[in-house]
Amino acid sequence: MNSTLNTQNLYDQDFVEWCEITAAQLRDRKFDQVDLENLIEEIEGLAKRDRRELKNRLTVLLAHLLKRIYVNSPENFQGWELTIREQRRQIQDLLQDSPSLKSYLGEVFNTAYQNALDDVRLEYQQAEFPGTWEFELNSESLLSDNYWVVQ
């Protein structure tokens, strides 16, 4: 019990050392010494971090897609397309590492779209942006289609 109290104090004083000790305790199967309360908090935090990152990257992706599709500014096209490509790559990596986030993508899409829409409407007040996503809504299309190319 004393050892658990020491690692709980360590958590507040030196997080890296706490992580190293906790990993060693788990590896050595010394479960009775593990600071479970903080370990649970950290694991929950990891999942929240990944969901937050996915939502933020989706918002950036949607903002740049909206700009590229609806703002006639050829001098900015390349920069927007580079950002679109990078955000897609990062989202694909997140989904590959955590496939369960694919359903979360659908859950947060409308919120991310509204956030992106608010940003681009403020930045490009002269442009007309649709209030809702006008294209097919699936992750494959979202992560690959060049919506601005006339087909």
Protein backbone atom coordinates (compact mmCIF):
# COMPACT_ATOMS: atom_id res chain seq x y z
CA MET A 1 0.00 0.00 0.00
CA ASN A 2 2.84 2.37 0.84
CA SER A 3 4.36 1.78 -2.59
CA THR A 4 1.09 2.80 -4.28
CA LEU A 5 0.99 5.99 -2.24
CA ASN A 6 4.55 6.77 -3.31
CA THR A 7 3.71 6.33 -6.99
CA GLN A 8 0.60 8.48 -6.57
CA ASN A 9 2.83 11.27 -5.23
CA LEU A 10 5.31 10.63 -8.01
CA TYR A 11 2.54 11.09 -10.57
CA ASP A 12 2.21 14.73 -9.48
CA GLN A 13 5.96 15.32 -9.12
CA ASP A 14 7.56 13.55 -12.11
CA PHE A 15 5.17 12.19 -14.71
CA VAL A 16 7.84 10.55 -16.90
CA GLU A 17 9.29 8.63 -13.97
CA TRP A 18 5.77 7.63 -12.90
CA CYS A 19 5.19 6.23 -16.42
CA GLU A 20 8.44 4.28 -16.35
CA ILE A 21 7.75 2.82 -12.90
CA THR A 22 4.14 1.97 -13.80
CA ALA A 23 5.25 0.23 -17.01
CA ALA A 24 7.85 -1.74 -15.05
CA GLN A 25 5.27 -2.73 -12.43
CA LEU A 26 2.90 -3.93 -15.14
CA ARG A 27 5.66 -5.78 -16.98
CA ASP A 28 6.72 -7.46 -13.71
CA ARG A 29 3.06 -8.24 -12.93
CA LYS A 30 3.23 -6.30 -9.65
CA PHE A 31 -0.39 -5.28 -10.02
CA ASP A 32 -0.86 -4.61 -6.33
CA GLN A 33 1.71 -1.80 -6.57
CA VAL A 34 0.21 -0.06 -9.62
CA ASP A 35 -1.30 3.38 -9.12
CA LEU A 36 -4.61 2.33 -10.70
CA GLU A 37 -6.48 5.60 -10.21
CA ASN A 38 -3.98 7.64 -12.22
CA LEU A 39 -3.39 4.83 -14.72
CA ILE A 40 -7.12 4.67 -15.51
CA GLU A 41 -7.22 8.46 -15.86
CA GLU A 42 -4.30 8.39 -18.29
CA ILE A 43 -5.80 5.62 -20.43
CA GLU A 44 -9.12 7.47 -20.65
CA GLY A 45 -7.19 10.60 -21.56
CA LEU A 46 -5.49 8.81 -24.46
CA ALA A 47 -8.83 7.94 -26.01
CA LYS A 48 -10.14 11.48 -25.53
CA ARG A 49 -6.97 12.88 -27.08
CA ASP A 50 -7.37 10.78 -30.21
CA ARG A 51 -11.05 11.71 -30.57
CA ARG A 52 -10.20 15.40 -30.10
CA GLU A 53 -7.39 15.15 -32.67
CA LEU A 54 -9.70 13.48 -35.18
CA LYS A 55 -12.35 16.17 -34.73
CA ASN A 56 -9.79 18.98 -35.06
CA ARG A 57 -8.20 17.47 -38.17
CA LEU A 58 -11.64 16.90 -39.70
CA THR A 59 -12.55 20.55 -39.05
CA VAL A 60 -9.34 21.73 -40.75
CA LEU A 61 -9.92 19.34 -43.65
CA LEU A 62 -13.49 20.54 -44.15
CA ALA A 63 -12.50 24.21 -43.94
CA HIS A 64 -9.88 23.73 -46.64
CA LEU A 65 -12.23 21.66 -48.79
CA LEU A 66 -14.82 24.42 -48.53
CA LYS A 67 -12.26 27.04 -49.50
CA ARG A 68 -10.96 24.98 -52.40
CA ILE A 69 -14.44 24.19 -53.72
CA TYR A 70 -16.20 27.53 -53.20
CA VAL A 71 -13.57 30.30 -53.10
CA ASN A 72 -12.27 31.46 -56.48
CA SER A 73 -8.70 32.22 -55.50
CA PRO A 74 -6.33 30.30 -57.80
CA GLU A 75 -3.24 31.67 -56.06
CA ASN A 76 -4.33 29.77 -52.92
CA PHE A 77 -5.37 26.49 -54.54
CA GLN A 78 -2.02 24.74 -54.14
CA GLY A 79 -1.70 25.63 -50.46
CA TRP A 80 -5.24 24.51 -49.72
CA GLU A 81 -4.69 21.25 -51.60
CA LEU A 82 -1.48 20.58 -49.65
CA THR A 83 -3.36 21.09 -46.39
CA ILE A 84 -6.19 18.85 -47.61
CA ARG A 85 -3.69 16.12 -48.49
CA GLU A 86 -1.89 16.39 -45.13
CA GLN A 87 -5.10 16.35 -43.07
CA ARG A 88 -6.36 13.35 -45.03
CA ARG A 89 -3.09 11.54 -44.43
CA GLN A 90 -3.20 12.27 -40.70
CA ILE A 91 -6.86 11.20 -40.42
CA GLN A 92 -6.11 7.98 -42.30
CA ASP A 93 -3.25 7.28 -39.88
CA LEU A 94 -5.55 7.83 -36.90
CA LEU A 95 -8.18 5.52 -38.39
CA GLN A 96 -5.59 2.87 -39.18
CA ASP A 97 -4.24 2.97 -35.62
CA SER A 98 -7.73 3.02 -34.08
CA PRO A 99 -10.40 1.66 -36.46
CA SER A 100 -13.10 2.33 -33.85
CA LEU A 101 -12.63 6.04 -34.56
CA LYS A 102 -14.28 5.53 -37.96
CA SER A 103 -17.73 5.56 -36.33
CA TYR A 104 -16.71 8.63 -34.30
CA LEU A 105 -15.90 10.41 -37.58
CA GLY A 106 -19.58 10.10 -38.49
CA GLU A 107 -20.67 11.21 -35.03
CA VAL A 108 -18.68 14.45 -35.08
CA PHE A 109 -18.99 15.26 -38.78
CA ASN A 110 -21.85 17.77 -38.43
CA THR A 111 -20.16 19.60 -35.56
CA ALA A 112 -16.85 19.70 -37.43
CA TYR A 113 -18.63 20.93 -40.56
CA GLN A 114 -20.38 23.72 -38.66
CA ASN A 115 -17.08 24.75 -37.04
CA ALA A 116 -15.36 24.77 -40.44
CA LEU A 117 -18.27 26.67 -41.96
CA ASP A 118 -18.13 29.33 -39.23
CA ASP A 119 -14.41 29.79 -39.87
CA VAL A 120 -14.59 30.07 -43.67
CA ARG A 121 -17.67 32.30 -43.63
CA LEU A 122 -15.83 34.71 -41.37
CA GLU A 123 -12.66 34.60 -43.47
CA TYR A 124 -14.38 34.75 -46.89
CA GLN A 125 -17.53 36.79 -46.39
CA GLN A 126 -17.94 37.34 -50.13
CA ALA A 127 -18.18 33.61 -50.88
CA GLU A 128 -21.33 31.48 -50.71
CA PHE A 129 -20.95 28.28 -48.69
CA PRO A 130 -23.68 25.66 -48.30
CA GLY A 131 -25.16 25.22 -44.83
CA THR A 132 -24.79 21.46 -45.10
CA TRP A 133 -22.29 19.12 -46.77
CA GLU A 134 -23.46 18.70 -50.38
CA PHE A 135 -21.45 15.58 -51.22
CA GLU A 136 -21.60 11.91 -50.38
CA LEU A 137 -20.83 11.43 -46.72
CA ASN A 138 -18.57 8.44 -46.27
CA SER A 139 -15.01 8.30 -45.06
CA GLU A 140 -13.64 6.88 -48.32
CA SER A 141 -14.95 9.83 -50.37
CA LEU A 142 -14.07 12.36 -47.73
CA LEU A 143 -10.50 11.11 -47.57
CA SER A 144 -9.89 10.85 -51.31
CA ASP A 145 -12.27 12.76 -53.60
CA ASN A 146 -11.16 15.98 -55.28
CA TYR A 147 -14.58 17.61 -55.09
CA TRP A 148 -13.39 20.70 -56.95
CA VAL A 149 -12.58 18.78 -60.15
CA VAL A 150 -15.49 18.99 -62.58
CA GLN A 151 -16.32 15.50 -63.84
